[in-house]
PDB file of N, CA and C in Angstrom:
ATOM      1  N   MET A   1     -15.736 -36.398 -13.849  1.00  0.00           N
ATOM      2  CA  MET A   1     -14.318 -35.066 -13.610  1.00  0.00           C
ATOM      3  C   MET A   1     -15.761 -34.063 -12.869  1.00  0.00           C
ATOM      4  N   PRO A   2     -14.957 -34.507 -11.191  1.00  0.00           N
ATOM      5  CA  PRO A   2     -15.643 -32.915 -10.187  1.00  0.00           C
ATOM      6  C   PRO A   2     -14.372 -31.626 -10.604  1.00  0.00           C
ATOM      7  N   PRO A   3     -15.331 -30.645 -10.692  1.00  0.00           N
ATOM      8  CA  PRO A   3     -14.929 -29.829 -10.264  1.00  0.00           C
ATOM      9  C   PRO A   3     -13.798 -29.117 -10.655  1.00  0.00           C
ATOM     10  N   VAL A   4     -13.200 -27.884 -10.456  1.00  0.00           N
ATOM     11  CA  VAL A   4     -12.420 -27.471 -10.015  1.00  0.00           C
ATOM     12  C   VAL A   4     -12.284 -26.479  -9.476  1.00  0.00           C
ATOM     13  N   VAL A   5     -13.671 -24.957 -10.065  1.00  0.00           N
ATOM     14  CA  VAL A   5     -14.368 -24.719  -8.963  1.00  0.00           C
ATOM     15  C   VAL A   5     -15.274 -24.480  -8.181  1.00  0.00           C
ATOM     16  N   GLY A   6     -15.489 -24.539  -6.981  1.00  0.00           N
ATOM     17  CA  GLY A   6     -17.284 -24.252  -7.231  1.00  0.00           C
ATOM     18  C   GLY A   6     -18.044 -22.174  -6.904  1.00  0.00           C
ATOM     19  N   ARG A   7     -19.391 -22.082  -6.563  1.00  0.00           N
ATOM     20  CA  ARG A   7     -19.909 -21.302  -6.884  1.00  0.00           C
ATOM     21  C   ARG A   7     -19.842 -21.226  -4.958  1.00  0.00           C
ATOM     22  N   ILE A   8     -19.681 -20.414  -4.498  1.00  0.00           N
ATOM     23  CA  ILE A   8     -20.466 -20.114  -3.324  1.00  0.00           C
ATOM     24  C   ILE A   8     -22.254 -19.885  -2.690  1.00  0.00           C
ATOM     25  N   ARG A   9     -22.614 -20.494  -2.374  1.00  0.00           N
ATOM     26  CA  ARG A   9     -23.749 -20.507  -2.184  1.00  0.00           C
ATOM     27  C   ARG A   9     -24.772 -20.078  -1.029  1.00  0.00           C
ATOM     28  N   ARG A  10     -24.288 -20.346  -0.178  1.00  0.00           N
ATOM     29  CA  ARG A  10     -25.502 -20.045   1.605  1.00  0.00           C
ATOM     30  C   ARG A  10     -24.429 -18.906   2.119  1.00  0.00           C
ATOM     31  N   SER A  11     -25.331 -18.150   2.494  1.00  0.00           N
ATOM     32  CA  SER A  11     -24.796 -17.130   3.213  1.00  0.00           C
ATOM     33  C   SER A  11     -23.788 -16.623   4.504  1.00  0.00           C
ATOM     34  N   ASP A  12     -24.307 -17.993   5.031  1.00  0.00           N
ATOM     35  CA  ASP A  12     -22.906 -18.516   6.314  1.00  0.00           C
ATOM     36  C   ASP A  12     -21.628 -17.472   5.647  1.00  0.00           C
ATOM     37  N   THR A  13     -21.251 -19.041   4.854  1.00  0.00           N
ATOM     38  CA  THR A  13     -19.759 -19.356   4.204  1.00  0.00           C
ATOM     39  C   THR A  13     -19.464 -16.970   3.999  1.00  0.00           C
ATOM     40  N   PHE A  14     -20.636 -16.275   3.123  1.00  0.00           N
ATOM     41  CA  PHE A  14     -20.280 -15.099   2.974  1.00  0.00           C
ATOM     42  C   PHE A  14     -19.643 -14.409   4.028  1.00  0.00           C
ATOM     43  N   ARG A  15     -20.098 -14.765   4.910  1.00  0.00           N
ATOM     44  CA  ARG A  15     -20.761 -13.912   6.385  1.00  0.00           C
ATOM     45  C   ARG A  15     -19.486 -14.697   7.560  1.00  0.00           C
ATOM     46  N   ALA A  16     -19.076 -15.722   6.812  1.00  0.00           N
ATOM     47  CA  ALA A  16     -16.668 -16.106   7.413  1.00  0.00           C
ATOM     48  C   ALA A  16     -16.339 -15.756   6.886  1.00  0.00           C
ATOM     49  N   LEU A  17     -16.298 -14.767   5.891  1.00  0.00           N
ATOM     50  CA  LEU A  17     -15.467 -14.552   4.572  1.00  0.00           C
ATOM     51  C   LEU A  17     -15.113 -12.787   5.155  1.00  0.00           C
ATOM     52  N   ALA A  18     -16.419 -11.788   6.433  1.00  0.00           N
ATOM     53  CA  ALA A  18     -16.611 -11.006   6.870  1.00  0.00           C
ATOM     54  C   ALA A  18     -15.091 -10.883   8.222  1.00  0.00           C
ATOM     55  N   ARG A  19     -14.820 -11.872   9.045  1.00  0.00           N
ATOM     56  CA  ARG A  19     -14.004 -12.353   9.391  1.00  0.00           C
ATOM     57  C   ARG A  19     -13.263 -13.186   8.826  1.00  0.00           C
ATOM     58  N   PRO A  20     -12.307 -12.867   7.518  1.00  0.00           N
ATOM     59  CA  PRO A  20     -11.185 -13.394   6.888  1.00  0.00           C
ATOM     60  C   PRO A  20     -10.268 -14.000   8.214  1.00  0.00           C
ATOM     61  N   GLN A  21      -9.512 -15.348   7.203  1.00  0.00           N
ATOM     62  CA  GLN A  21      -8.349 -16.054   8.104  1.00  0.00           C
ATOM     63  C   GLN A  21      -7.114 -15.301   6.800  1.00  0.00           C
ATOM     64  N   GLY A  22      -7.142 -14.871   5.850  1.00  0.00           N
ATOM     65  CA  GLY A  22      -6.023 -15.044   5.108  1.00  0.00           C
ATOM     66  C   GLY A  22      -6.609 -13.841   4.619  1.00  0.00           C
ATOM     67  N   ARG A  23      -5.385 -13.141   3.962  1.00  0.00           N
ATOM     68  CA  ARG A  23      -6.120 -11.891   2.836  1.00  0.00           C
ATOM     69  C   ARG A  23      -4.501 -11.337   2.323  1.00  0.00           C
ATOM     70  N   GLY A  24      -4.792 -11.697   0.427  1.00  0.00           N
ATOM     71  CA  GLY A  24      -3.810 -11.537  -0.118  1.00  0.00           C
ATOM     72  C   GLY A  24      -4.090 -10.526  -1.325  1.00  0.00           C
ATOM     73  N   ALA A  25      -3.209  -9.348  -1.837  1.00  0.00           N
ATOM     74  CA  ALA A  25      -3.386  -7.952  -2.813  1.00  0.00           C
ATOM     75  C   ALA A  25      -2.485  -9.087  -3.891  1.00  0.00           C
ATOM     76  N   SER A  26      -2.275  -8.343  -5.183  1.00  0.00           N
ATOM     77  CA  SER A  26      -1.720  -7.685  -6.438  1.00  0.00           C
ATOM     78  C   SER A  26      -1.982  -6.591  -7.103  1.00  0.00           C
ATOM     79  N   GLY A  27      -1.532  -5.900  -7.508  1.00  0.00           N
ATOM     80  CA  GLY A  27      -1.954  -4.592  -8.426  1.00  0.00           C
ATOM     81  C   GLY A  27      -3.698  -4.357  -8.244  1.00  0.00           C
ATOM     82  N   PRO A  28      -3.804  -4.962  -8.749  1.00  0.00           N
ATOM     83  CA  PRO A  28      -5.732  -3.743  -8.218  1.00  0.00           C
ATOM     84  C   PRO A  28      -7.084  -5.185  -8.480  1.00  0.00           C
ATOM     85  N   VAL A  29      -5.758  -6.638  -7.721  1.00  0.00           N
ATOM     86  CA  VAL A  29      -6.859  -7.467  -6.857  1.00  0.00           C
ATOM     87  C   VAL A  29      -6.070  -7.965  -5.663  1.00  0.00           C
ATOM     88  N   THR A  30      -7.480  -8.075  -4.727  1.00  0.00           N
ATOM     89  CA  THR A  30      -7.532  -8.581  -3.727  1.00  0.00           C
ATOM     90  C   THR A  30      -8.783  -9.942  -3.512  1.00  0.00           C
ATOM     91  N   VAL A  31      -7.731 -10.694  -2.668  1.00  0.00           N
ATOM     92  CA  VAL A  31      -8.829 -12.082  -2.236  1.00  0.00           C
ATOM     93  C   VAL A  31      -8.835 -11.907  -0.451  1.00  0.00           C
ATOM     94  N   VAL A  32      -9.322 -12.596  -0.262  1.00  0.00           N
ATOM     95  CA  VAL A  32      -9.819 -13.263   0.942  1.00  0.00           C
ATOM     96  C   VAL A  32     -10.334 -14.192   1.120  1.00  0.00           C
ATOM     97  N   PHE A  33      -9.362 -15.075   1.860  1.00  0.00           N
ATOM     98  CA  PHE A  33      -9.585 -15.887   2.456  1.00  0.00           C
ATOM     99  C   PHE A  33     -10.421 -17.077   3.779  1.00  0.00           C
ATOM    100  N   SER A  34     -11.120 -18.262   4.335  1.00  0.00           N
ATOM    101  CA  SER A  34     -11.418 -18.374   4.954  1.00  0.00           C
ATOM    102  C   SER A  34     -11.714 -19.786   4.514  1.00  0.00           C
ATOM    103  N   ARG A  35     -11.605 -21.017   5.285  1.00  0.00           N
ATOM    104  CA  ARG A  35     -11.273 -22.452   5.875  1.00  0.00           C
ATOM    105  C   ARG A  35     -12.845 -22.904   6.503  1.00  0.00           C
ATOM    106  N   ARG A  36     -13.318 -21.748   7.066  1.00  0.00           N
ATOM    107  CA  ARG A  36     -14.700 -21.767   8.054  1.00  0.00           C
ATOM    108  C   ARG A  36     -15.770 -22.334   7.054  1.00  0.00           C
ATOM    109  N   THR A  37     -16.230 -23.011   6.826  1.00  0.00           N
ATOM    110  CA  THR A  37     -17.080 -23.241   5.376  1.00  0.00           C
ATOM    111  C   THR A  37     -18.360 -24.011   5.772  1.00  0.00           C
ATOM    112  N   SER A  38     -19.299 -23.829   5.574  1.00  0.00           N
ATOM    113  CA  SER A  38     -20.483 -24.791   6.170  1.00  0.00           C
ATOM    114  C   SER A  38     -20.353 -26.239   4.505  1.00  0.00           C
ATOM    115  N   GLU A  39     -20.031 -25.117   3.651  1.00  0.00           N
ATOM    116  CA  GLU A  39     -20.526 -25.862   2.684  1.00  0.00           C
ATOM    117  C   GLU A  39     -19.615 -27.026   2.733  1.00  0.00           C
ATOM    118  N   PRO A  40     -19.105 -28.829   2.714  1.00  0.00           N
ATOM    119  CA  PRO A  40     -18.736 -29.227   2.495  1.00  0.00           C
ATOM    120  C   PRO A  40     -17.931 -29.229   0.939  1.00  0.00           C
ATOM    121  N   ALA A  41     -16.350 -29.274   0.342  1.00  0.00           N
ATOM    122  CA  ALA A  41     -16.000 -29.632  -1.218  1.00  0.00           C
ATOM    123  C   ALA A  41     -15.163 -29.865  -1.418  1.00  0.00           C
ATOM    124  N   ALA A  42     -14.444 -30.417  -1.946  1.00  0.00           N
ATOM    125  CA  ALA A  42     -12.867 -31.120  -1.795  1.00  0.00           C
ATOM    126  C   ALA A  42     -11.844 -30.261  -2.506  1.00  0.00           C
ATOM    127  N   PHE A  43     -13.024 -28.523  -3.182  1.00  0.00           N
ATOM    128  CA  PHE A  43     -12.194 -27.442  -4.233  1.00  0.00           C
ATOM    129  C   PHE A  43     -12.462 -26.342  -3.445  1.00  0.00           C
ATOM    130  N   PRO A  44     -11.741 -25.493  -4.266  1.00  0.00           N
ATOM    131  CA  PRO A  44     -12.415 -23.714  -3.612  1.00  0.00           C
ATOM    132  C   PRO A  44     -13.901 -23.643  -4.023  1.00  0.00           C
ATOM    133  N   LEU A  45     -14.078 -22.971  -2.715  1.00  0.00           N
ATOM    134  CA  LEU A  45     -15.300 -21.842  -3.787  1.00  0.00           C
ATOM    135  C   LEU A  45     -15.286 -20.493  -3.665  1.00  0.00           C
ATOM    136  N   VAL A  46     -15.414 -19.973  -4.805  1.00  0.00           N
ATOM    137  CA  VAL A  46     -15.414 -18.905  -4.959  1.00  0.00           C
ATOM    138  C   VAL A  46     -16.497 -17.769  -5.377  1.00  0.00           C
ATOM    139  N   GLY A  47     -16.305 -16.683  -4.657  1.00  0.00           N
ATOM    140  CA  GLY A  47     -18.273 -15.363  -5.109  1.00  0.00           C
ATOM    141  C   GLY A  47     -16.733 -14.405  -5.728  1.00  0.00           C
ATOM    142  N   TYR A  48     -17.743 -13.948  -6.319  1.00  0.00           N
ATOM    143  CA  TYR A  48     -16.818 -12.087  -6.749  1.00  0.00           C
ATOM    144  C   TYR A  48     -17.428 -10.675  -6.555  1.00  0.00           C
ATOM    145  N   ALA A  49     -16.583  -9.656  -6.255  1.00  0.00           N
ATOM    146  CA  ALA A  49     -16.944  -8.902  -5.532  1.00  0.00           C
ATOM    147  C   ALA A  49     -16.740  -8.246  -7.240  1.00  0.00           C
ATOM    148  N   VAL A  50     -17.698  -7.456  -8.103  1.00  0.00           N
ATOM    149  CA  VAL A  50     -17.517  -6.466  -8.629  1.00  0.00           C
ATOM    150  C   VAL A  50     -18.330  -5.675  -8.942  1.00  0.00           C
ATOM    151  N   GLY A  51     -18.706  -4.183  -8.534  1.00  0.00           N
ATOM    152  CA  GLY A  51     -19.134  -3.539  -8.276  1.00  0.00           C
ATOM    153  C   GLY A  51     -19.659  -2.475  -9.366  1.00  0.00           C
ATOM    154  N   ARG A  52     -20.683  -1.232  -9.342  1.00  0.00           N
ATOM    155  CA  ARG A  52     -21.149   0.174  -9.868  1.00  0.00           C
ATOM    156  C   ARG A  52     -20.233   0.750 -10.595  1.00  0.00           C
ATOM    157  N   ARG A  53     -19.317   1.365 -10.202  1.00  0.00           N
ATOM    158  CA  ARG A  53     -18.153   1.620  -9.765  1.00  0.00           C
ATOM    159  C   ARG A  53     -16.829   1.209 -11.307  1.00  0.00           C
ATOM    160  N   HIS A  54     -16.668  -0.420 -11.994  1.00  0.00           N
ATOM    161  CA  HIS A  54     -16.859  -0.714 -12.812  1.00  0.00           C
ATOM    162  C   HIS A  54     -17.670  -0.094 -14.092  1.00  0.00           C
ATOM    163  N   GLY A  55     -18.126   0.579 -14.332  1.00  0.00           N
ATOM    164  CA  GLY A  55     -19.128   0.625 -15.423  1.00  0.00           C
ATOM    165  C   GLY A  55     -20.304   0.163 -15.356  1.00  0.00           C
ATOM    166  N   GLY A  56     -21.295  -0.030 -16.192  1.00  0.00           N
ATOM    167  CA  GLY A  56     -22.356  -0.481 -17.155  1.00  0.00           C
ATOM    168  C   GLY A  56     -22.599  -2.332 -16.937  1.00  0.00           C
ATOM    169  N   ALA A  57     -23.746  -2.899 -16.795  1.00  0.00           N
ATOM    170  CA  ALA A  57     -23.893  -4.267 -16.950  1.00  0.00           C
ATOM    171  C   ALA A  57     -23.183  -5.304 -17.500  1.00  0.00           C
ATOM    172  N   VAL A  58     -22.484  -4.842 -18.944  1.00  0.00           N
ATOM    173  CA  VAL A  58     -21.775  -5.002 -20.190  1.00  0.00           C
ATOM    174  C   VAL A  58     -20.278  -4.949 -19.058  1.00  0.00           C
ATOM    175  N   ALA A  59     -19.377  -4.123 -19.170  1.00  0.00           N
ATOM    176  CA  ALA A  59     -18.091  -4.548 -18.284  1.00  0.00           C
ATOM    177  C   ALA A  59     -18.244  -5.414 -16.814  1.00  0.00           C
ATOM    178  N   ARG A  60     -18.972  -4.961 -15.955  1.00  0.00           N
ATOM    179  CA  ARG A  60     -18.848  -5.582 -15.164  1.00  0.00           C
ATOM    180  C   ARG A  60     -18.742  -7.154 -15.529  1.00  0.00           C
ATOM    181  N   ASN A  61     -20.493  -7.118 -15.920  1.00  0.00           N
ATOM    182  CA  ASN A  61     -20.015  -9.280 -16.130  1.00  0.00           C
ATOM    183  C   ASN A  61     -18.797  -9.056 -17.392  1.00  0.00           C
ATOM    184  N   ARG A  62     -17.899  -8.589 -18.273  1.00  0.00           N
ATOM    185  CA  ARG A  62     -16.831  -8.830 -18.354  1.00  0.00           C
ATOM    186  C   ARG A  62     -16.133  -9.270 -17.836  1.00  0.00           C
ATOM    187  N   LEU A  63     -15.605  -8.316 -16.527  1.00  0.00           N
ATOM    188  CA  LEU A  63     -14.768  -8.379 -15.986  1.00  0.00           C
ATOM    189  C   LEU A  63     -14.456  -9.505 -14.944  1.00  0.00           C
ATOM    190  N   ARG A  64     -15.931  -9.872 -14.620  1.00  0.00           N
ATOM    191  CA  ARG A  64     -16.041 -10.688 -13.750  1.00  0.00           C
ATOM    192  C   ARG A  64     -16.205 -12.330 -14.071  1.00  0.00           C
ATOM    193  N   ARG A  65     -16.573 -12.471 -15.903  1.00  0.00           N
ATOM    194  CA  ARG A  65     -15.651 -13.676 -16.905  1.00  0.00           C
ATOM    195  C   ARG A  65     -14.019 -13.158 -16.189  1.00  0.00           C
ATOM    196  N   ARG A  66     -13.502 -12.678 -17.166  1.00  0.00           N
ATOM    197  CA  ARG A  66     -12.047 -12.605 -16.970  1.00  0.00           C
ATOM    198  C   ARG A  66     -11.468 -13.323 -16.049  1.00  0.00           C
ATOM    199  N   LEU A  67     -12.119 -12.545 -14.405  1.00  0.00           N
ATOM    200  CA  LEU A  67     -11.724 -13.106 -13.084  1.00  0.00           C
ATOM    201  C   LEU A  67     -12.174 -14.116 -12.559  1.00  0.00           C
ATOM    202  N   ARG A  68     -13.234 -14.746 -13.480  1.00  0.00           N
ATOM    203  CA  ARG A  68     -13.663 -16.533 -13.478  1.00  0.00           C
ATOM    204  C   ARG A  68     -12.416 -17.572 -14.173  1.00  0.00           C
ATOM    205  N   ALA A  69     -12.236 -17.171 -15.241  1.00  0.00           N
ATOM    206  CA  ALA A  69     -11.330 -17.134 -15.560  1.00  0.00           C
ATOM    207  C   ALA A  69      -9.197 -17.618 -15.714  1.00  0.00           C
ATOM    208  N   ALA A  70      -8.761 -17.250 -14.605  1.00  0.00           N
ATOM    209  CA  ALA A  70      -8.079 -16.708 -14.031  1.00  0.00           C
ATOM    210  C   ALA A  70      -8.231 -17.522 -12.645  1.00  0.00           C
ATOM    211  N   VAL A  71      -9.577 -18.089 -12.392  1.00  0.00           N
ATOM    212  CA  VAL A  71      -9.482 -17.427 -11.105  1.00  0.00           C
ATOM    213  C   VAL A  71      -9.461 -20.086 -11.244  1.00  0.00           C
ATOM    214  N   ARG A  72     -10.169 -19.918 -12.288  1.00  0.00           N
ATOM    215  CA  ARG A  72     -10.124 -21.479 -13.082  1.00  0.00           C
ATOM    216  C   ARG A  72      -9.111 -22.204 -13.260  1.00  0.00           C
ATOM    217  N   ASP A  73      -7.359 -21.365 -13.937  1.00  0.00           N
ATOM    218  CA  ASP A  73      -6.459 -21.658 -14.184  1.00  0.00           C
ATOM    219  C   ASP A  73      -5.207 -21.821 -13.008  1.00  0.00           C
ATOM    220  N   THR A  74      -5.711 -20.903 -12.083  1.00  0.00           N
ATOM    221  CA  THR A  74      -5.118 -21.124 -10.832  1.00  0.00           C
ATOM    222  C   THR A  74      -5.310 -22.020  -9.982  1.00  0.00           C
ATOM    223  N   ALA A  75      -6.676 -22.375  -9.718  1.00  0.00           N
ATOM    224  CA  ALA A  75      -7.505 -23.220  -8.602  1.00  0.00           C
ATOM    225  C   ALA A  75      -6.853 -24.577  -9.064  1.00  0.00           C
ATOM    226  N   ALA A  76      -5.838 -24.553  -9.372  1.00  0.00           N
ATOM    227  CA  ALA A  76      -5.104 -26.488  -9.123  1.00  0.00           C
ATOM    228  C   ALA A  76      -4.777 -26.277  -7.708  1.00  0.00           C
ATOM    229  N   ALA A  77      -4.014 -24.684  -8.163  1.00  0.00           N
ATOM    230  CA  ALA A  77      -2.627 -24.927  -6.410  1.00  0.00           C
ATOM    231  C   ALA A  77      -3.297 -24.485  -5.559  1.00  0.00           C
ATOM    232  N   LEU A  78      -4.962 -24.509  -5.870  1.00  0.00           N
ATOM    233  CA  LEU A  78      -5.089 -23.536  -4.093  1.00  0.00           C
ATOM    234  C   LEU A  78      -6.313 -24.402  -3.393  1.00  0.00           C
ATOM    235  N   PRO A  79      -5.721 -24.473  -1.531  1.00  0.00           N
ATOM    236  CA  PRO A  79      -6.385 -25.759  -0.700  1.00  0.00           C
ATOM    237  C   PRO A  79      -7.291 -25.163  -1.095  1.00  0.00           C
ATOM    238  N   PRO A  80      -8.496 -26.730  -0.296  1.00  0.00           N
ATOM    239  CA  PRO A  80     -10.094 -26.013  -0.030  1.00  0.00           C
ATOM    240  C   PRO A  80     -10.699 -25.263   0.932  1.00  0.00           C
ATOM    241  N   GLY A  81     -11.536 -23.919   0.431  1.00  0.00           N
ATOM    242  CA  GLY A  81     -12.061 -23.518   1.263  1.00  0.00           C
ATOM    243  C   GLY A  81     -12.480 -22.007   1.240  1.00  0.00           C
ATOM    244  N   ALA A  82     -12.769 -21.082   1.163  1.00  0.00           N
ATOM    245  CA  ALA A  82     -13.905 -19.906   0.583  1.00  0.00           C
ATOM    246  C   ALA A  82     -13.590 -18.547   0.091  1.00  0.00           C
ATOM    247  N   TYR A  83     -13.235 -18.158  -1.191  1.00  0.00           N
ATOM    248  CA  TYR A  83     -13.077 -16.969  -1.933  1.00  0.00           C
ATOM    249  C   TYR A  83     -13.314 -16.198  -1.909  1.00  0.00           C
ATOM    250  N   LEU A  84     -12.645 -15.129  -1.802  1.00  0.00           N
ATOM    251  CA  LEU A  84     -13.941 -13.738  -2.020  1.00  0.00           C
ATOM    252  C   LEU A  84     -13.053 -13.104  -2.886  1.00  0.00           C
ATOM    253  N   VAL A  85     -12.843 -12.973  -4.240  1.00  0.00           N
ATOM    254  CA  VAL A  85     -11.878 -11.409  -4.943  1.00  0.00           C
ATOM    255  C   VAL A  85     -12.406 -10.604  -5.659  1.00  0.00           C
ATOM    256  N   ARG A  86     -12.092  -9.732  -5.418  1.00  0.00           N
ATOM    257  CA  ARG A  86     -11.996  -8.649  -6.367  1.00  0.00           C
ATOM    258  C   ARG A  86     -11.280  -7.986  -6.169  1.00  0.00           C
ATOM    259  N   ALA A  87     -11.616  -6.447  -7.363  1.00  0.00           N
ATOM    260  CA  ALA A  87     -10.657  -6.036  -8.327  1.00  0.00           C
ATOM    261  C   ALA A  87     -10.922  -4.675  -8.347  1.00  0.00           C
ATOM    262  N   THR A  88     -10.786  -4.109  -8.533  1.00  0.00           N
ATOM    263  CA  THR A  88     -10.577  -2.634  -8.267  1.00  0.00           C
ATOM    264  C   THR A  88     -11.125  -2.003 -10.418  1.00  0.00           C
ATOM    265  N   THR A  89     -11.208  -0.528 -10.490  1.00  0.00           N
ATOM    266  CA  THR A  89     -11.244  -0.215 -11.375  1.00  0.00           C
ATOM    267  C   THR A  89     -10.283  -0.207 -12.163  1.00  0.00           C
ATOM    268  N   SER A  90      -8.505  -1.249 -12.685  1.00  0.00           N
ATOM    269  CA  SER A  90      -7.675  -0.675 -13.430  1.00  0.00           C
ATOM    270  C   SER A  90      -7.683  -2.010 -13.161  1.00  0.00           C
ATOM    271  N   ALA A  91      -8.427  -2.456 -12.716  1.00  0.00           N
ATOM    272  CA  ALA A  91      -7.970  -4.717 -13.409  1.00  0.00           C
ATOM    273  C   ALA A  91      -8.083  -4.617 -14.946  1.00  0.00           C
ATOM    274  N   THR A  92      -9.732  -3.185 -15.752  1.00  0.00           N
ATOM    275  CA  THR A  92     -10.072  -3.595 -16.221  1.00  0.00           C
ATOM    276  C   THR A  92      -8.716  -2.867 -17.728  1.00  0.00           C
ATOM    277  N   SER A  93      -7.999  -2.771 -17.102  1.00  0.00           N
ATOM    278  CA  SER A  93      -7.025  -2.233 -18.240  1.00  0.00           C
ATOM    279  C   SER A  93      -5.967  -3.224 -18.328  1.00  0.00           C
ATOM    280  N   LEU A  94      -6.040  -4.906 -17.433  1.00  0.00           N
ATOM    281  CA  LEU A  94      -4.488  -5.237 -17.549  1.00  0.00           C
ATOM    282  C   LEU A  94      -4.822  -6.577 -19.018  1.00  0.00           C
ATOM    283  N   GLY A  95      -4.161  -7.421 -19.536  1.00  0.00           N
ATOM    284  CA  GLY A  95      -4.073  -8.177 -19.970  1.00  0.00           C
ATOM    285  C   GLY A  95      -4.535  -9.599 -19.592  1.00  0.00           C
ATOM    286  N   ALA A  96      -4.336 -10.222 -19.948  1.00  0.00           N
ATOM    287  CA  ALA A  96      -4.973 -11.724 -19.868  1.00  0.00           C
ATOM    288  C   ALA A  96      -4.728 -12.587 -19.275  1.00  0.00           C
ATOM    289  N   ASP A  97      -3.216 -12.767 -18.845  1.00  0.00           N
ATOM    290  CA  ASP A  97      -1.426 -13.119 -18.421  1.00  0.00           C
ATOM    291  C   ASP A  97      -1.451 -12.359 -17.017  1.00  0.00           C
ATOM    292  N   GLU A  98      -1.270 -10.660 -17.504  1.00  0.00           N
ATOM    293  CA  GLU A  98      -1.444  -9.795 -15.923  1.00  0.00           C
ATOM    294  C   GLU A  98      -2.438 -10.319 -14.942  1.00  0.00           C
ATOM    295  N   LEU A  99      -3.465 -10.265 -15.050  1.00  0.00           N
ATOM    296  CA  LEU A  99      -4.640 -10.384 -14.500  1.00  0.00           C
ATOM    297  C   LEU A  99      -4.350 -11.902 -13.957  1.00  0.00           C
ATOM    298  N   ARG A 100      -4.475 -13.154 -14.503  1.00  0.00           N
ATOM    299  CA  ARG A 100      -3.797 -14.022 -14.592  1.00  0.00           C
ATOM    300  C   ARG A 100      -2.919 -14.203 -12.854  1.00  0.00           C
ATOM    301  N   ARG A 101      -2.349 -14.084 -12.931  1.00  0.00           N
ATOM    302  CA  ARG A 101      -0.526 -13.848 -12.184  1.00  0.00           C
ATOM    303  C   ARG A 101      -1.093 -12.797 -11.102  1.00  0.00           C
ATOM    304  N   ALA A 102      -1.818 -11.377 -10.773  1.00  0.00           N
ATOM    305  CA  ALA A 102      -2.743 -11.076 -10.418  1.00  0.00           C
ATOM    306  C   ALA A 102      -2.794 -11.946  -9.534  1.00  0.00           C
ATOM    307  N   VAL A 103      -4.434 -12.719 -10.036  1.00  0.00           N
ATOM    308  CA  VAL A 103      -4.864 -13.322  -8.974  1.00  0.00           C
ATOM    309  C   VAL A 103      -4.361 -14.353  -8.616  1.00  0.00           C
ATOM    310  N   ALA A 104      -2.903 -15.487  -9.140  1.00  0.00           N
ATOM    311  CA  ALA A 104      -2.975 -15.890  -8.346  1.00  0.00           C
ATOM    312  C   ALA A 104      -2.108 -16.440  -7.699  1.00  0.00           C
ATOM    313  N   VAL A 105      -0.792 -14.642  -7.397  1.00  0.00           N
ATOM    314  CA  VAL A 105      -0.059 -13.961  -6.323  1.00  0.00           C
ATOM    315  C   VAL A 105      -1.318 -13.812  -4.926  1.00  0.00           C
ATOM    316  N   ALA A 106      -1.725 -13.211  -5.686  1.00  0.00           N
ATOM    317  CA  ALA A 106      -3.638 -12.542  -4.459  1.00  0.00           C
ATOM    318  C   ALA A 106      -3.688 -13.854  -3.355  1.00  0.00           C
ATOM    319  N   ALA A 107      -4.453 -14.470  -4.277  1.00  0.00           N
ATOM    320  CA  ALA A 107      -4.778 -15.773  -3.823  1.00  0.00           C
ATOM    321  C   ALA A 107      -4.347 -16.977  -2.915  1.00  0.00           C
ATOM    322  N   ARG A 108      -2.397 -17.288  -3.252  1.00  0.00           N
ATOM    323  CA  ARG A 108      -1.405 -18.469  -2.861  1.00  0.00           C
ATOM    324  C   ARG A 108      -1.799 -17.711  -1.394  1.00  0.00           C
ATOM    325  N   THR A 109      -0.641 -16.255  -1.048  1.00  0.00           N
ATOM    326  CA  THR A 109      -1.013 -14.992  -0.360  1.00  0.00           C
ATOM    327  C   THR A 109      -2.478 -14.753   0.629  1.00  0.00           C
ATOM    328  N   ALA A 110      -2.971 -14.834   0.473  1.00  0.00           N
ATOM    329  CA  ALA A 110      -4.130 -14.711   0.889  1.00  0.00           C
ATOM    330  C   ALA A 110      -4.092 -16.660   1.823  1.00  0.00           C
ATOM    331  N   ALA A 111      -4.272 -17.207   1.257  1.00  0.00           N
ATOM    332  CA  ALA A 111      -4.865 -18.745   1.808  1.00  0.00           C
ATOM    333  C   ALA A 111      -2.877 -19.263   2.676  1.00  0.00           C
ATOM    334  N   GLY A 112      -2.259 -18.590   1.737  1.00  0.00           N
ATOM    335  CA  GLY A 112      -0.850 -19.280   3.008  1.00  0.00           C
ATOM    336  C   GLY A 112      -0.793 -18.619   4.794  1.00  0.00           C
ATOM    337  N   GLY A 113      -1.740 -17.535   4.418  1.00  0.00           N
ATOM    338  CA  GLY A 113      -1.787 -16.129   5.417  1.00  0.00           C
ATOM    339  C   GLY A 113      -3.181 -16.967   6.236  1.00  0.00           C
ATOM    340  N   ALA A 114      -3.378 -17.884   6.033  1.00  0.00           N
ATOM    341  CA  ALA A 114      -4.155 -18.496   7.223  1.00  0.00           C
ATOM    342  C   ALA A 114      -3.443 -20.081   7.330  1.00  0.00           C
ATOM    343  N   ALA A 115      -2.706 -20.370   6.712  1.00  0.00           N
ATOM    344  CA  ALA A 115      -1.511 -21.322   8.243  1.00  0.00           C
ATOM    345  C   ALA A 115      -1.648 -21.715   8.824  1.00  0.00           C
TER     346      ALA A 115
END
């Protein structure tokens, strides 16, 4: 079975996200989207930006895992391309359903704005 979500592995894909084709935000989650990717994939490629202001390594990794799970749950509805998911510090206080909903809305808005 092919993967539902892939990782961004190339630096030129991250550079393409510096000039995104779409942006979306919902609550503490922001997503930028770019169709321009040098990595051929039939599924979304996702990167996560979780900075040190979110706390120590344990807190940052926990938030990154929660974001990864939320993206995995909503990835079937997303078009192929590159996504960069960012979260503010208030994302740590959201429940799983709230975080999933915020990621889904932000990602759909970002991908829809690129059409």
